[in-house]
N, C-alpha and C. Protein backbone atom coordinates (compact mmCIF):
# COMPACT_ATOMS: atom_id res chain seq x y z
N MET A 1 -1.47 -5.55 13.04
CA MET A 1 -1.53 -5.43 11.77
C MET A 1 -0.88 -6.44 10.85
N MET A 2 -1.75 -7.17 9.95
CA MET A 2 -1.14 -8.29 9.32
C MET A 2 -0.20 -7.79 8.16
N THR A 3 0.73 -8.36 7.76
CA THR A 3 1.83 -8.07 6.83
C THR A 3 1.93 -8.86 5.80
N ARG A 4 1.61 -8.64 4.40
CA ARG A 4 1.83 -9.38 3.26
C ARG A 4 3.17 -9.01 2.49
N LYS A 5 3.83 -9.94 2.21
CA LYS A 5 5.10 -9.58 1.44
C LYS A 5 5.07 -9.89 -0.06
N LEU A 6 5.81 -8.97 -0.96
CA LEU A 6 5.71 -9.07 -2.32
C LEU A 6 7.09 -8.88 -2.75
N ASP A 7 7.74 -9.89 -3.30
CA ASP A 7 9.10 -9.77 -3.81
C ASP A 7 9.08 -9.51 -5.53
N VAL A 8 9.15 -8.53 -6.08
CA VAL A 8 9.41 -8.29 -7.46
C VAL A 8 10.68 -8.09 -8.24
N ARG A 9 11.72 -8.39 -7.41
CA ARG A 9 13.14 -8.17 -7.90
C ARG A 9 13.37 -9.10 -9.32
N SER A 10 12.61 -10.17 -9.51
CA SER A 10 12.82 -10.92 -10.52
C SER A 10 12.07 -10.40 -11.72
N LEU A 11 11.26 -9.68 -11.78
CA LEU A 11 10.38 -9.13 -12.74
C LEU A 11 10.80 -8.01 -13.38
N ALA A 12 10.60 -7.81 -14.78
CA ALA A 12 10.95 -6.91 -15.61
C ALA A 12 9.86 -5.88 -15.73
N ALA A 13 9.91 -4.54 -16.06
CA ALA A 13 8.90 -3.55 -16.10
C ALA A 13 8.00 -3.98 -17.17
N PRO A 14 6.62 -3.80 -17.26
CA PRO A 14 5.99 -3.03 -16.17
C PRO A 14 5.28 -3.92 -15.20
N GLU A 15 5.89 -5.29 -15.28
CA GLU A 15 5.19 -6.11 -14.37
C GLU A 15 5.17 -5.84 -12.77
N PRO A 16 6.31 -5.35 -12.22
CA PRO A 16 6.27 -4.99 -10.83
C PRO A 16 5.19 -4.11 -10.53
N LEU A 17 4.92 -2.94 -11.23
CA LEU A 17 3.90 -2.03 -11.02
C LEU A 17 2.65 -2.89 -10.86
N GLU A 18 2.43 -3.58 -12.04
CA GLU A 18 1.13 -4.31 -12.14
C GLU A 18 1.02 -5.13 -10.97
N ARG A 19 1.95 -6.00 -10.60
CA ARG A 19 1.72 -6.85 -9.54
C ARG A 19 1.56 -6.20 -8.31
N ILE A 20 2.17 -5.10 -7.99
CA ILE A 20 1.93 -4.33 -6.63
C ILE A 20 0.38 -3.95 -6.67
N LEU A 21 -0.07 -3.27 -7.71
CA LEU A 21 -1.38 -2.56 -7.94
C LEU A 21 -2.51 -3.68 -7.80
N ALA A 22 -2.09 -4.83 -8.24
CA ALA A 22 -3.28 -5.99 -8.14
C ALA A 22 -3.30 -6.57 -6.76
N GLU A 23 -2.14 -6.59 -6.11
CA GLU A 23 -2.06 -6.98 -4.80
C GLU A 23 -2.72 -6.04 -3.86
N LEU A 24 -2.54 -4.73 -4.02
CA LEU A 24 -3.36 -3.69 -3.31
C LEU A 24 -4.86 -3.92 -3.46
N ASP A 25 -5.36 -4.25 -4.69
CA ASP A 25 -6.90 -4.64 -4.78
C ASP A 25 -7.44 -5.54 -3.81
N ILE A 26 -6.47 -6.45 -3.44
CA ILE A 26 -7.04 -7.66 -2.57
C ILE A 26 -6.50 -7.67 -1.25
N LEU A 27 -5.76 -6.61 -1.00
CA LEU A 27 -5.18 -6.34 0.52
C LEU A 27 -6.25 -6.14 1.53
N PRO A 28 -6.31 -6.99 2.42
CA PRO A 28 -7.34 -6.67 3.52
C PRO A 28 -7.07 -5.30 4.06
N ARG A 29 -8.17 -4.71 4.71
CA ARG A 29 -8.34 -3.28 5.23
C ARG A 29 -7.17 -3.19 6.33
N ASP A 30 -6.92 -4.08 7.25
CA ASP A 30 -6.02 -4.10 8.14
C ASP A 30 -4.55 -4.53 8.05
N ALA A 31 -4.29 -4.66 6.69
CA ALA A 31 -3.02 -5.18 6.31
C ALA A 31 -2.10 -4.30 5.77
N ARG A 32 -0.87 -4.51 5.66
CA ARG A 32 0.16 -3.76 4.99
C ARG A 32 0.90 -4.64 3.94
N LEU A 33 1.33 -4.01 3.09
CA LEU A 33 2.02 -4.62 1.81
C LEU A 33 3.48 -4.25 2.01
N GLU A 34 4.43 -5.21 2.07
CA GLU A 34 5.84 -4.99 2.10
C GLU A 34 6.56 -5.59 0.86
N VAL A 35 6.99 -4.64 0.00
CA VAL A 35 7.45 -4.78 -1.26
C VAL A 35 8.95 -4.68 -1.44
N THR A 36 9.57 -5.95 -1.85
CA THR A 36 11.23 -5.78 -2.29
C THR A 36 11.30 -5.60 -3.58
N HIS A 37 12.06 -4.52 -4.12
CA HIS A 37 12.05 -4.27 -5.51
C HIS A 37 13.73 -3.89 -5.74
N TRP A 38 14.01 -4.10 -6.90
CA TRP A 38 15.47 -3.97 -7.36
C TRP A 38 15.74 -2.46 -7.64
N ARG A 39 14.66 -1.79 -7.73
CA ARG A 39 14.83 -0.28 -8.23
C ARG A 39 13.75 0.49 -7.55
N GLU A 40 13.85 1.86 -7.38
CA GLU A 40 12.90 2.71 -6.74
C GLU A 40 11.64 2.82 -7.70
N PRO A 41 10.56 2.36 -7.33
CA PRO A 41 9.42 2.49 -8.39
C PRO A 41 8.82 3.98 -8.29
N LEU A 42 9.46 4.81 -8.93
CA LEU A 42 8.94 6.18 -8.98
C LEU A 42 7.54 6.35 -9.63
N LEU A 43 7.21 5.57 -10.60
CA LEU A 43 5.99 5.79 -11.31
C LEU A 43 4.90 5.28 -10.36
N LEU A 44 5.17 4.37 -9.39
CA LEU A 44 4.02 3.80 -8.27
C LEU A 44 3.59 4.87 -7.48
N TYR A 45 4.63 5.94 -6.97
CA TYR A 45 4.23 6.67 -5.92
C TYR A 45 2.83 7.69 -6.11
N PRO A 46 2.78 8.19 -7.43
CA PRO A 46 1.78 8.96 -7.89
C PRO A 46 0.45 8.28 -7.73
N LEU A 47 0.54 7.14 -8.27
CA LEU A 47 -0.66 6.04 -8.26
C LEU A 47 -1.13 5.71 -6.73
N LEU A 48 -0.17 5.73 -5.97
CA LEU A 48 -0.72 5.40 -4.39
C LEU A 48 -1.21 6.49 -3.83
N ASP A 49 -0.49 7.83 -4.24
CA ASP A 49 -0.90 8.84 -3.74
C ASP A 49 -2.61 9.19 -4.10
N GLU A 50 -2.65 9.00 -5.38
CA GLU A 50 -4.11 9.38 -6.06
C GLU A 50 -5.04 8.38 -5.54
N ARG A 51 -4.64 7.14 -4.85
CA ARG A 51 -5.69 6.22 -4.43
C ARG A 51 -5.69 6.13 -2.71
N GLY A 52 -4.92 7.22 -2.20
CA GLY A 52 -5.19 7.36 -0.72
C GLY A 52 -4.24 6.32 -0.07
N TRP A 53 -3.18 5.72 -0.54
CA TRP A 53 -2.34 4.70 0.08
C TRP A 53 -1.39 5.52 0.82
N GLN A 54 -0.80 5.21 1.88
CA GLN A 54 0.31 5.85 2.49
C GLN A 54 1.47 4.78 2.26
N HIS A 55 2.61 5.35 2.04
CA HIS A 55 3.82 4.48 1.77
C HIS A 55 5.11 5.27 2.21
N SER A 56 6.12 4.33 2.48
CA SER A 56 7.48 4.72 2.71
C SER A 56 8.42 3.85 2.26
N THR A 57 9.57 4.55 1.81
CA THR A 57 10.58 3.46 1.02
C THR A 57 11.67 3.75 1.80
N VAL A 58 12.62 2.68 1.96
CA VAL A 58 13.72 2.50 2.53
C VAL A 58 14.86 1.90 1.46
N HIS A 59 15.79 2.60 1.15
CA HIS A 59 16.98 1.88 0.30
C HIS A 59 18.10 1.09 1.17
N ASP A 60 18.05 0.01 0.88
CA ASP A 60 19.05 -1.01 1.48
C ASP A 60 20.33 -1.05 0.54
N GLU A 61 21.23 -0.08 0.96
CA GLU A 61 22.42 0.01 0.01
C GLU A 61 23.34 -1.12 -0.06
N LYS A 62 23.40 -1.83 1.16
CA LYS A 62 24.17 -3.01 1.48
C LYS A 62 23.83 -4.05 0.32
N ASN A 63 22.63 -4.41 0.28
CA ASN A 63 21.96 -5.33 -0.68
C ASN A 63 21.41 -4.96 -1.77
N GLY A 64 21.46 -3.46 -2.19
CA GLY A 64 21.12 -3.04 -3.37
C GLY A 64 19.55 -3.18 -3.67
N ILE A 65 18.80 -3.14 -2.58
CA ILE A 65 17.30 -3.23 -2.85
C ILE A 65 16.58 -2.01 -2.30
N TYR A 66 15.24 -1.83 -2.75
CA TYR A 66 14.34 -0.98 -2.01
C TYR A 66 13.28 -1.76 -1.38
N LEU A 67 12.86 -1.29 -0.04
CA LEU A 67 11.70 -1.89 0.68
C LEU A 67 10.75 -0.88 0.80
N ILE A 68 9.61 -1.20 0.04
CA ILE A 68 8.49 -0.24 0.20
C ILE A 68 7.37 -0.89 0.92
N SER A 69 6.94 0.01 1.94
CA SER A 69 5.82 -0.37 2.93
C SER A 69 4.53 0.44 2.57
N ILE A 70 3.51 -0.08 2.34
CA ILE A 70 2.25 0.41 1.77
C ILE A 70 1.13 -0.12 2.74
N ARG A 71 0.38 0.92 3.15
CA ARG A 71 -0.84 0.63 3.91
C ARG A 71 -1.88 1.66 3.68
N ARG A 72 -3.04 1.29 4.17
CA ARG A 72 -4.31 2.25 4.21
C ARG A 72 -4.06 3.32 5.26
N PRO A 73 -4.49 4.64 4.99
CA PRO A 73 -4.41 5.62 6.18
C PRO A 73 -5.37 5.24 7.16
N ALA A 74 -4.88 5.53 8.50
CA ALA A 74 -5.39 5.18 9.62
C ALA A 74 -6.92 5.88 9.64
N THR A 75 -7.81 5.26 9.95
CA THR A 75 -9.25 6.07 10.15
C THR A 75 -9.71 6.45 11.51
């Protein structure tokens, strides 16, 4: 599975959400998007669920970041 990385830590709201959704629109079917964010994107999760994306989030407390992995469900 190919992995694309997106770092949105330097962006102010709502740009991280917009950039993530735009990236998902062009993400190849067999790819995963890994997002590095400075906060947990709570508004993103319902949008991903509505669109059928699988996602998981890990909080890296040491570095103060959130790592979000997003992929299409297995068919």
